[in-house]
């Protein structure tokens, strides 16, 4: 079982859920701004500067999406650990300080 009082654990869980909602909103926005997802976009012989602009937008969108997915995996894993009762414990069984978890609720390691 976890070393974290239930009221603090609920606070941390809420923080994780809020972070998840924000990440999903960022992901949705990035997808909407990605030119390849624009149904009104015509795949034609656009000027080279337009193609270059769209390529940059696609790369930016994909970079944001990659970072968001990585963060979502971390948040989901933390929520899963809360449900399993292993939250706030490192892989080698050490307790992660509550102060650290309040700064980064998805933390899995200690800070030296």
N, C-alpha and C. Protein backbone atom coordinates (compact mmCIF):
# COMPACT_ATOMS: atom_id res chain seq x y z
N UNK A 1 0.84 -1.20 0.00
CA UNK A 1 0.00 0.00 0.00
C UNK A 1 0.88 1.25 0.00
N UNK A 2 0.30 2.33 -0.34
CA UNK A 2 1.04 3.58 -0.50
C UNK A 2 1.23 4.33 0.82
N UNK A 3 2.26 5.12 0.89
CA UNK A 3 2.60 5.92 2.07
C UNK A 3 1.90 7.28 2.07
N UNK A 4 1.06 7.50 1.10
CA UNK A 4 0.44 8.81 0.89
C UNK A 4 -0.95 8.83 1.53
N UNK A 5 -1.23 9.83 2.37
CA UNK A 5 -2.57 9.94 2.96
C UNK A 5 -3.64 10.03 1.87
N UNK A 6 -4.80 9.48 2.14
CA UNK A 6 -5.86 9.39 1.11
C UNK A 6 -6.29 10.75 0.57
N UNK A 7 -6.32 11.79 1.41
CA UNK A 7 -6.72 13.10 0.90
C UNK A 7 -5.67 13.66 -0.07
N UNK A 8 -4.41 13.43 0.21
CA UNK A 8 -3.33 13.88 -0.68
C UNK A 8 -3.35 13.04 -1.96
N UNK A 9 -3.61 11.75 -1.82
CA UNK A 9 -3.70 10.88 -2.99
C UNK A 9 -4.83 11.34 -3.91
N UNK A 10 -5.95 11.72 -3.34
CA UNK A 10 -7.06 12.23 -4.16
C UNK A 10 -6.67 13.53 -4.87
N UNK A 11 -5.94 14.38 -4.19
CA UNK A 11 -5.47 15.63 -4.78
C UNK A 11 -4.54 15.33 -5.96
N UNK A 12 -3.64 14.40 -5.77
CA UNK A 12 -2.71 14.02 -6.83
C UNK A 12 -3.45 13.39 -8.01
N UNK A 13 -4.43 12.56 -7.71
CA UNK A 13 -5.24 11.94 -8.77
C UNK A 13 -5.96 13.02 -9.57
N UNK A 14 -6.52 14.00 -8.89
CA UNK A 14 -7.20 15.10 -9.57
C UNK A 14 -6.22 15.88 -10.45
N UNK A 15 -5.03 16.11 -9.95
CA UNK A 15 -4.01 16.80 -10.74
C UNK A 15 -3.69 16.03 -12.02
N UNK A 16 -3.59 14.71 -11.89
CA UNK A 16 -3.31 13.87 -13.05
C UNK A 16 -4.46 13.90 -14.05
N UNK A 17 -5.68 13.86 -13.55
CA UNK A 17 -6.84 13.90 -14.44
C UNK A 17 -6.92 15.23 -15.18
N UNK A 18 -6.60 16.32 -14.48
CA UNK A 18 -6.60 17.64 -15.11
C UNK A 18 -5.50 17.73 -16.16
N UNK A 19 -4.33 17.17 -15.84
CA UNK A 19 -3.23 17.18 -16.81
C UNK A 19 -3.61 16.36 -18.04
N UNK A 20 -4.27 15.24 -17.83
CA UNK A 20 -4.71 14.40 -18.95
C UNK A 20 -5.68 15.17 -19.84
N UNK A 21 -6.62 15.88 -19.24
CA UNK A 21 -7.59 16.66 -20.02
C UNK A 21 -6.88 17.75 -20.84
N UNK A 22 -5.92 18.42 -20.23
CA UNK A 22 -5.17 19.46 -20.94
C UNK A 22 -4.37 18.87 -22.10
N UNK A 23 -3.74 17.74 -21.87
CA UNK A 23 -2.97 17.09 -22.92
C UNK A 23 -3.86 16.67 -24.09
N UNK A 24 -5.03 16.14 -23.78
CA UNK A 24 -5.95 15.75 -24.84
C UNK A 24 -6.42 16.96 -25.64
N UNK A 25 -6.62 18.09 -24.96
CA UNK A 25 -7.00 19.33 -25.65
C UNK A 25 -5.88 19.81 -26.56
N UNK A 26 -4.65 19.74 -26.07
CA UNK A 26 -3.49 20.14 -26.89
C UNK A 26 -3.38 19.23 -28.10
N UNK A 27 -3.57 17.94 -27.89
CA UNK A 27 -3.49 16.98 -28.99
C UNK A 27 -4.55 17.27 -30.05
N UNK A 28 -5.75 17.56 -29.60
CA UNK A 28 -6.85 17.87 -30.53
C UNK A 28 -6.53 19.13 -31.34
N UNK A 29 -6.02 20.15 -30.66
CA UNK A 29 -5.67 21.40 -31.34
C UNK A 29 -4.56 21.18 -32.37
N UNK A 30 -3.56 20.40 -31.98
CA UNK A 30 -2.46 20.12 -32.92
C UNK A 30 -2.97 19.35 -34.13
N UNK A 31 -3.87 18.42 -33.90
CA UNK A 31 -4.45 17.66 -35.02
C UNK A 31 -5.25 18.57 -35.95
N UNK A 32 -5.99 19.50 -35.35
CA UNK A 32 -6.79 20.42 -36.16
C UNK A 32 -5.92 21.37 -36.98
N UNK A 33 -4.75 21.72 -36.46
CA UNK A 33 -3.86 22.64 -37.16
C UNK A 33 -2.98 21.94 -38.18
N UNK A 34 -2.96 20.62 -38.16
CA UNK A 34 -2.15 19.86 -39.10
C UNK A 34 -2.80 19.90 -40.49
N UNK A 35 -2.11 20.45 -41.48
CA UNK A 35 -2.70 20.57 -42.81
C UNK A 35 -3.14 19.23 -43.42
N UNK A 36 -2.50 18.15 -43.07
CA UNK A 36 -2.89 16.87 -43.66
C UNK A 36 -4.26 16.39 -43.15
N UNK A 37 -4.75 16.99 -42.07
CA UNK A 37 -6.07 16.64 -41.54
C UNK A 37 -7.16 17.60 -42.00
N UNK A 38 -6.80 18.56 -42.83
CA UNK A 38 -7.74 19.56 -43.33
C UNK A 38 -8.52 18.96 -44.50
N UNK A 39 -9.82 18.72 -44.28
CA UNK A 39 -10.64 18.12 -45.33
C UNK A 39 -10.86 19.07 -46.50
N UNK A 40 -10.67 20.36 -46.28
CA UNK A 40 -10.84 21.35 -47.34
C UNK A 40 -9.56 21.56 -48.16
N UNK A 41 -8.50 20.94 -47.70
CA UNK A 41 -7.22 21.09 -48.39
C UNK A 41 -7.25 20.31 -49.69
N UNK A 42 -6.85 20.96 -50.72
CA UNK A 42 -6.81 20.31 -52.03
C UNK A 42 -5.37 19.91 -52.30
N UNK A 43 -5.19 18.64 -52.59
CA UNK A 43 -3.85 18.16 -52.91
C UNK A 43 -3.55 18.51 -54.37
N UNK A 44 -3.03 19.69 -54.54
CA UNK A 44 -2.79 20.17 -55.90
C UNK A 44 -1.34 20.60 -56.07
N UNK A 45 -1.08 21.30 -57.10
CA UNK A 45 0.26 21.81 -57.37
C UNK A 45 0.41 23.21 -56.79
N UNK A 46 0.38 23.27 -55.48
CA UNK A 46 0.50 24.57 -54.80
C UNK A 46 1.92 25.10 -54.99
N UNK A 47 2.06 26.38 -54.74
CA UNK A 47 3.39 26.98 -54.87
C UNK A 47 4.34 26.35 -53.85
N UNK A 48 5.61 26.43 -54.16
CA UNK A 48 6.61 25.79 -53.29
C UNK A 48 6.62 26.39 -51.89
N UNK A 49 6.36 27.70 -51.77
CA UNK A 49 6.35 28.29 -50.42
C UNK A 49 5.14 27.81 -49.62
N UNK A 50 4.02 27.58 -50.30
CA UNK A 50 2.85 27.03 -49.61
C UNK A 50 3.13 25.60 -49.18
N UNK A 51 3.72 24.82 -50.06
CA UNK A 51 4.07 23.44 -49.69
C UNK A 51 5.05 23.42 -48.52
N UNK A 52 6.02 24.30 -48.54
CA UNK A 52 7.01 24.36 -47.46
C UNK A 52 6.34 24.74 -46.15
N UNK A 53 5.44 25.72 -46.19
CA UNK A 53 4.71 26.15 -44.99
C UNK A 53 3.90 24.98 -44.42
N UNK A 54 3.22 24.27 -45.30
CA UNK A 54 2.42 23.13 -44.86
C UNK A 54 3.30 22.03 -44.27
N UNK A 55 4.45 21.81 -44.88
CA UNK A 55 5.37 20.79 -44.38
C UNK A 55 5.84 21.15 -42.97
N UNK A 56 6.17 22.42 -42.75
CA UNK A 56 6.59 22.88 -41.42
C UNK A 56 5.45 22.70 -40.43
N UNK A 57 4.23 23.05 -40.81
CA UNK A 57 3.07 22.88 -39.92
C UNK A 57 2.86 21.41 -39.58
N UNK A 58 3.02 20.54 -40.57
CA UNK A 58 2.85 19.10 -40.31
C UNK A 58 3.92 18.59 -39.35
N UNK A 59 5.16 19.01 -39.57
CA UNK A 59 6.24 18.57 -38.68
C UNK A 59 6.04 19.08 -37.26
N UNK A 60 5.61 20.33 -37.13
CA UNK A 60 5.35 20.89 -35.79
C UNK A 60 4.22 20.14 -35.11
N UNK A 61 3.16 19.88 -35.86
CA UNK A 61 2.01 19.17 -35.31
C UNK A 61 2.41 17.76 -34.86
N UNK A 62 3.20 17.09 -35.68
CA UNK A 62 3.63 15.73 -35.34
C UNK A 62 4.57 15.73 -34.14
N UNK A 63 5.41 16.75 -34.01
CA UNK A 63 6.31 16.85 -32.85
C UNK A 63 5.51 17.07 -31.57
N UNK A 64 4.53 17.97 -31.63
CA UNK A 64 3.68 18.23 -30.48
C UNK A 64 2.92 16.95 -30.11
N UNK A 65 2.38 16.29 -31.12
CA UNK A 65 1.61 15.07 -30.88
C UNK A 65 2.49 14.00 -30.23
N UNK A 66 3.72 13.87 -30.66
CA UNK A 66 4.63 12.89 -30.08
C UNK A 66 4.90 13.19 -28.61
N UNK A 67 5.13 14.46 -28.28
CA UNK A 67 5.36 14.84 -26.89
C UNK A 67 4.12 14.63 -26.04
N UNK A 68 2.96 14.94 -26.60
CA UNK A 68 1.70 14.76 -25.87
C UNK A 68 1.47 13.28 -25.59
N UNK A 69 1.70 12.44 -26.58
CA UNK A 69 1.50 11.00 -26.39
C UNK A 69 2.42 10.48 -25.29
N UNK A 70 3.66 10.91 -25.29
CA UNK A 70 4.61 10.50 -24.25
C UNK A 70 4.11 10.92 -22.87
N UNK A 71 3.62 12.14 -22.76
CA UNK A 71 3.11 12.63 -21.48
C UNK A 71 1.83 11.89 -21.07
N UNK A 72 0.96 11.61 -22.04
CA UNK A 72 -0.27 10.88 -21.75
C UNK A 72 0.03 9.47 -21.22
N UNK A 73 1.01 8.82 -21.81
CA UNK A 73 1.40 7.48 -21.35
C UNK A 73 1.86 7.56 -19.89
N UNK A 74 2.63 8.58 -19.57
CA UNK A 74 3.13 8.76 -18.21
C UNK A 74 1.98 9.02 -17.22
N UNK A 75 1.05 9.86 -17.62
CA UNK A 75 -0.10 10.18 -16.77
C UNK A 75 -0.98 8.95 -16.58
N UNK A 76 -1.25 8.24 -17.66
CA UNK A 76 -2.07 7.02 -17.57
C UNK A 76 -1.41 5.98 -16.67
N UNK A 77 -0.09 5.85 -16.78
CA UNK A 77 0.63 4.90 -15.93
C UNK A 77 0.51 5.29 -14.46
N UNK A 78 0.60 6.59 -14.18
CA UNK A 78 0.46 7.05 -12.79
C UNK A 78 -0.95 6.77 -12.26
N UNK A 79 -1.96 7.02 -13.08
CA UNK A 79 -3.33 6.73 -12.66
C UNK A 79 -3.51 5.24 -12.42
N UNK A 80 -2.88 4.42 -13.24
CA UNK A 80 -2.94 2.98 -13.07
C UNK A 80 -2.27 2.55 -11.76
N UNK A 81 -1.13 3.19 -11.46
CA UNK A 81 -0.44 2.87 -10.19
C UNK A 81 -1.30 3.26 -8.98
N UNK A 82 -2.05 4.35 -9.11
CA UNK A 82 -2.95 4.74 -8.02
C UNK A 82 -3.98 3.63 -7.80
N UNK A 83 -4.56 3.14 -8.89
CA UNK A 83 -5.58 2.09 -8.77
C UNK A 83 -5.00 0.79 -8.21
N UNK A 84 -3.75 0.49 -8.54
CA UNK A 84 -3.11 -0.75 -8.08
C UNK A 84 -2.52 -0.63 -6.68
N UNK A 85 -2.45 0.61 -6.16
CA UNK A 85 -1.90 0.81 -4.83
C UNK A 85 -0.38 0.88 -4.81
N UNK A 86 0.24 1.08 -5.96
CA UNK A 86 1.70 1.15 -6.04
C UNK A 86 2.19 2.56 -6.36
N UNK A 87 1.31 3.52 -6.32
CA UNK A 87 1.66 4.90 -6.65
C UNK A 87 2.59 5.48 -5.59
N UNK A 88 3.56 6.26 -6.05
CA UNK A 88 4.47 6.94 -5.13
C UNK A 88 5.62 6.07 -4.66
N UNK A 89 5.82 4.95 -5.36
CA UNK A 89 6.89 4.03 -4.99
C UNK A 89 7.75 3.79 -6.23
N UNK A 90 9.06 3.87 -6.06
CA UNK A 90 9.97 3.65 -7.18
C UNK A 90 10.00 2.17 -7.55
N UNK A 91 10.63 1.85 -8.68
CA UNK A 91 10.74 0.47 -9.13
C UNK A 91 11.48 -0.41 -8.11
N UNK A 92 12.40 0.20 -7.36
CA UNK A 92 13.13 -0.57 -6.35
C UNK A 92 12.51 -0.48 -4.95
N UNK A 93 11.28 0.01 -4.89
CA UNK A 93 10.53 -0.04 -3.63
C UNK A 93 10.70 1.12 -2.68
N UNK A 94 11.34 2.19 -3.11
CA UNK A 94 11.53 3.35 -2.24
C UNK A 94 10.36 4.33 -2.40
N UNK A 95 10.00 4.95 -1.29
CA UNK A 95 8.90 5.92 -1.30
C UNK A 95 9.34 7.24 -1.95
N UNK A 96 8.55 7.71 -2.89
CA UNK A 96 8.81 9.01 -3.51
C UNK A 96 8.20 10.07 -2.59
N UNK A 97 8.98 11.08 -2.20
CA UNK A 97 8.45 12.12 -1.30
C UNK A 97 7.20 12.80 -1.88
N UNK A 98 6.26 13.08 -1.00
CA UNK A 98 5.01 13.73 -1.42
C UNK A 98 5.30 15.07 -2.09
N UNK A 99 6.27 15.81 -1.56
CA UNK A 99 6.61 17.10 -2.17
C UNK A 99 6.98 16.93 -3.64
N UNK A 100 7.72 15.87 -3.95
CA UNK A 100 8.09 15.61 -5.35
C UNK A 100 6.86 15.28 -6.19
N UNK A 101 5.98 14.48 -5.64
CA UNK A 101 4.77 14.10 -6.37
C UNK A 101 3.85 15.30 -6.60
N UNK A 102 3.85 16.23 -5.67
CA UNK A 102 3.03 17.43 -5.86
C UNK A 102 3.58 18.31 -6.99
N UNK A 103 4.88 18.23 -7.23
CA UNK A 103 5.49 18.97 -8.33
C UNK A 103 5.28 18.22 -9.64
N UNK A 104 5.49 16.90 -9.60
CA UNK A 104 5.33 16.05 -10.79
C UNK A 104 4.58 14.79 -10.38
N UNK A 105 3.25 14.82 -10.50
CA UNK A 105 2.44 13.68 -10.04
C UNK A 105 2.71 12.37 -10.78
N UNK A 106 3.37 12.42 -11.92
CA UNK A 106 3.65 11.19 -12.65
C UNK A 106 5.07 10.68 -12.40
N UNK A 107 5.76 11.28 -11.44
CA UNK A 107 7.16 10.90 -11.14
C UNK A 107 7.25 9.44 -10.73
N UNK A 108 8.32 8.80 -11.19
CA UNK A 108 8.57 7.40 -10.84
C UNK A 108 9.94 7.19 -10.20
N UNK A 109 10.68 8.28 -10.08
CA UNK A 109 12.04 8.18 -9.54
C UNK A 109 12.26 9.22 -8.44
N UNK A 110 13.33 9.03 -7.71
CA UNK A 110 13.72 9.99 -6.69
C UNK A 110 14.67 11.02 -7.31
N UNK A 111 14.70 12.19 -6.73
CA UNK A 111 15.64 13.22 -7.15
C UNK A 111 16.80 13.19 -6.17
N UNK A 112 17.98 13.11 -6.71
CA UNK A 112 19.18 13.05 -5.85
C UNK A 112 19.71 14.43 -5.59
